[in-house]
Protein backbone atom coordinates (compact mmCIF):
# COMPACT_ATOMS: atom_id res chain seq x y z
CA MET A 1 -27.35 104.15 171.78
CA ALA A 2 -28.49 103.05 168.54
CA THR A 3 -32.63 103.30 167.76
CA ARG A 4 -33.70 100.87 165.73
CA ILE A 5 -36.92 100.77 163.45
CA VAL A 6 -38.76 97.84 163.13
CA TYR A 7 -41.62 97.52 160.22
CA GLU A 8 -44.39 95.37 160.74
CA SER A 9 -45.80 93.87 157.73
CA ASN A 10 -49.42 93.92 156.47
CA GLU A 11 -50.70 91.29 154.44
CA SER A 12 -53.02 93.72 152.60
CA ASP A 13 -50.02 95.77 151.36
CA THR A 14 -49.34 93.83 147.91
CA ASP A 15 -47.46 95.62 144.90
CA GLU A 16 -50.45 96.13 143.14
CA SER A 17 -51.56 98.98 146.07
CA ILE A 18 -48.33 100.68 145.50
CA PRO A 19 -48.63 103.01 142.31
CA GLU A 20 -45.56 102.81 140.00
CA ILE A 21 -44.27 106.16 138.84
CA ASP A 22 -42.59 106.29 136.04
CA ILE A 23 -39.34 108.12 137.04
CA ASN A 24 -38.09 109.45 133.91
CA LEU A 25 -41.60 111.19 132.73
CA LYS A 26 -41.28 113.36 136.49
CA LEU A 27 -37.66 113.87 135.93
CA ASN A 28 -37.58 114.30 132.51
CA VAL A 29 -34.01 112.63 132.06
CA GLN A 30 -33.16 111.02 128.80
CA PRO A 31 -30.82 108.33 128.08
CA TYR A 32 -27.00 109.49 127.83
CA GLN A 33 -28.02 112.95 128.54
CA TYR A 34 -25.17 113.39 130.74
CA GLU A 35 -22.85 111.48 128.37
CA PRO A 36 -19.59 113.52 126.90
CA VAL A 37 -19.91 114.62 123.19
CA LYS A 38 -17.32 112.83 121.21
CA ARG A 39 -13.71 114.92 120.87
CA GLN A 40 -14.75 114.99 117.22
CA GLU A 41 -18.08 116.29 117.12
CA LEU A 42 -16.18 119.27 120.26
CA SER A 43 -13.35 120.07 117.79
CA GLN A 44 -16.14 120.78 114.94
CA ASN A 45 -18.27 123.08 117.38
CA ILE A 46 -14.91 124.94 118.69
CA ARG A 47 -14.23 125.58 114.85
CA ASP A 48 -17.82 127.11 114.39
CA ASP A 49 -17.77 129.15 117.43
CA GLU A 50 -14.44 130.60 116.60
CA SER A 51 -16.41 132.21 114.29
CA ASP A 52 -17.88 133.46 117.53
CA SER A 53 -17.10 136.80 116.20
CA GLU A 54 -20.38 136.90 117.59
CA SER A 55 -22.99 139.44 118.35
CA SER A 56 -25.84 141.19 116.76
CA HIS A 57 -29.22 142.52 117.68
CA ASP A 58 -30.04 139.61 118.92
CA SER A 59 -32.45 138.60 115.71
CA ASN A 60 -31.61 135.94 113.24
CA GLU A 61 -29.31 138.18 110.20
CA PRO A 62 -29.85 136.25 107.20
CA ALA A 63 -26.91 134.00 106.36
CA ASP A 64 -25.74 134.72 102.99
CA VAL A 65 -24.65 138.09 102.97
CA SER A 66 -22.42 138.78 100.11
CA ASN A 67 -18.84 140.66 99.97
CA GLU A 68 -20.08 142.83 97.60
CA ASP A 69 -21.44 145.00 100.25
CA LEU A 70 -18.09 145.24 102.50
CA PRO A 71 -17.54 148.54 102.64
CA SER A 72 -14.85 150.21 101.74
CA ASP A 73 -14.44 152.95 104.55
CA MET A 74 -14.79 153.11 107.95
CA HIS A 75 -17.85 155.02 108.33
CA TRP A 76 -19.46 152.23 110.46
CA CYS A 77 -16.82 152.77 113.00
CA SER A 78 -17.83 155.11 115.87
CA CYS A 79 -14.97 153.94 118.36
CA GLU A 80 -12.10 154.20 115.91
CA THR A 81 -10.60 150.78 116.82
CA CYS A 82 -12.42 148.85 114.65
CA VAL A 83 -10.70 147.02 111.57
CA ILE A 84 -12.88 145.95 108.33
CA MET A 85 -13.83 141.92 108.52
CA PRO A 86 -13.36 139.86 105.84
CA THR A 87 -18.06 139.99 105.45
CA ALA A 88 -20.09 142.73 105.46
CA ARG A 89 -22.44 141.52 108.21
CA GLU A 90 -19.12 141.14 110.77
CA CYS A 91 -18.25 145.01 109.93
CA LYS A 92 -20.33 145.96 113.09
CA CYS A 93 -18.59 148.51 115.69
CA CYS A 94 -19.18 147.72 119.51
CA HIS A 95 -21.94 151.02 119.45
CA PHE A 96 -24.00 149.43 117.11
CA TYR A 97 -25.17 147.20 120.00
CA ALA A 98 -27.69 148.21 122.49
CA ALA A 99 -26.42 145.56 124.76
CA ILE A 100 -22.85 146.98 125.01
CA ASP A 101 -24.07 151.02 125.75
CA PRO A 102 -24.32 150.38 129.31
CA ARG A 103 -21.11 149.20 129.24
CA LEU A 104 -19.75 151.73 127.35
CA LYS A 105 -20.92 154.45 129.57
CA GLU A 106 -20.24 153.15 133.13
CA THR A 107 -16.48 153.65 132.36
CA GLU A 108 -16.75 156.06 130.09
CA VAL A 109 -14.88 154.68 127.18
CA ASN A 110 -15.08 154.96 123.32
CA CYS A 111 -14.47 151.66 122.99
CA ILE A 112 -15.34 148.25 124.70
CA THR A 113 -12.05 147.13 124.12
CA LYS A 114 -10.66 150.00 126.86
CA HIS A 115 -13.24 148.85 129.32
CA GLU A 116 -11.62 147.15 132.23
CA GLY A 117 -13.63 144.00 132.18
CA PHE A 118 -13.32 143.44 128.52
CA ILE A 119 -9.55 143.29 129.58
CA ALA A 120 -9.65 141.43 132.37
CA ASN A 121 -12.36 138.79 131.14
CA CYS A 122 -11.41 138.18 127.23
CA LEU A 123 -7.56 139.55 127.53
CA ASN A 124 -5.68 138.48 130.92
CA ARG A 125 -3.99 134.89 130.25
CA TRP A 126 -4.83 133.78 133.55
CA VAL A 127 -8.53 134.48 133.82
CA LEU A 128 -8.48 132.41 130.19
CA GLU A 129 -6.29 129.50 131.74
CA THR A 130 -8.86 129.27 134.33
CA SER A 131 -11.67 128.86 132.20
CA PHE A 132 -9.73 126.50 129.91
CA TYR A 133 -9.09 123.92 132.92
CA GLU A 134 -12.76 124.55 133.09
CA TYR A 135 -13.05 123.54 129.46
CA LEU A 136 -10.87 120.20 130.02
CA GLN A 137 -13.06 119.34 132.71
CA GLU A 138 -16.08 119.67 130.67
CA ASN A 139 -14.83 118.38 127.05
CA GLY A 140 -11.65 116.33 128.23
CA PRO A 141 -8.49 116.65 126.77
CA LEU A 142 -7.14 118.63 124.08
CA GLU A 143 -6.43 116.27 120.78
CA GLU A 144 -3.06 116.40 119.65
CA ASN A 145 -3.28 118.93 117.17
CA GLU A 146 -5.46 121.84 118.92
CA LEU A 147 -3.18 125.08 120.14
CA VAL A 148 -3.75 126.46 123.12
CA HIS A 149 -3.94 130.31 121.29
CA ASN A 150 -7.23 128.66 119.29
CA ILE A 151 -8.94 127.43 122.35
CA TYR A 152 -8.13 130.59 124.34
CA ARG A 153 -9.70 132.68 121.78
CA HIS A 154 -12.77 130.61 121.59
CA LEU A 155 -13.07 131.33 125.42
CA ALA A 156 -12.27 134.85 125.06
CA TYR A 157 -15.22 135.17 123.20
CA ARG A 158 -17.45 133.28 124.83
CA ARG A 159 -16.47 135.23 128.07
CA PHE A 160 -17.25 138.44 125.98
CA VAL A 161 -20.89 137.21 125.21
CA ARG A 162 -21.34 135.89 128.66
CA TRP A 163 -20.21 139.23 130.24
CA ILE A 164 -22.47 141.92 127.45
CA TRP A 165 -25.16 139.49 126.81
CA HIS A 166 -25.51 137.10 130.04
CA CYS A 167 -26.14 133.90 128.16
CA LEU A 168 -24.49 131.06 125.70
CA GLY A 169 -26.09 128.40 124.16
CA LYS A 170 -26.34 126.03 121.70
CA ASN A 171 -27.25 127.74 118.32
CA ASN A 172 -27.57 130.91 120.50
CA ARG A 173 -24.91 132.87 118.51
CA LYS A 174 -23.89 136.69 118.84
CA ILE A 175 -21.49 138.85 115.86
CA LEU A 176 -19.17 140.17 117.68
CA PRO A 177 -17.99 143.58 117.19
CA SER A 178 -14.83 144.34 114.88
CA CYS A 179 -12.82 146.03 117.34
CA VAL A 180 -13.76 142.70 119.87
CA VAL A 181 -12.69 139.96 117.04
CA ASN A 182 -9.73 142.71 116.31
CA LYS A 183 -8.57 142.54 119.58
CA ILE A 184 -8.91 139.40 120.82
CA ARG A 185 -7.06 137.93 117.55
CA THR A 186 -4.08 140.11 118.13
CA ALA A 187 -3.76 138.86 121.73
CA PHE A 188 -4.08 134.90 120.70
CA PRO A 189 -2.89 134.64 116.80
CA SER A 190 -3.85 132.26 114.42
CA GLN A 191 -2.22 131.08 110.91
CA GLN A 192 -5.83 131.29 109.52
CA TYR A 193 -9.55 132.86 111.28
CA CYS A 194 -12.62 131.07 110.01
CA GLY A 195 -15.28 134.06 111.10
CA PHE A 196 -18.50 134.03 112.25
CA LYS A 197 -21.07 131.08 110.93
CA TYR A 198 -24.72 130.57 111.91
CA PRO A 199 -25.56 127.67 113.63
CA SER A 200 -26.71 124.69 110.72
């Protein structure tokens, strides 16, 4: 048995007595807010983020650090896994970051790249493949010249940042430890790497 609802109209009710609500202000909805980003912009973001040789002391470091300061020895590395990077600002060991210390202590490893969480999250091809499908769903299909290794490297950098700092976002970049970048680059090689870049 269906219930029937009858609405009675009252002549005193007019359109003027109903307050108008600006839905855009209440919900903070903006035009085109949920539209996909143009494919060209997306490819540029990946190239920029690939540098996501991300990291740092959660501070804004100067954008131009000259290569004059490039260390000639490995005195800055405590984990014995780092390599000298193209710029001095990228020559940071995993022991340099306070956010990484708890992860190092929980499994008593000397380098974050030996932590089972790093191996599972950042080097496991099947985990990155799942992240890749999510990436495709959010960003659309790859361009013809985009290499899967480049995308996997980008995703591995992002997964590391999420795992350590728990936060990802536009203009929220970190310089990754040299050992992390080297391990990810070894797993997903390329002919050319772009290194870390601050957001413009």
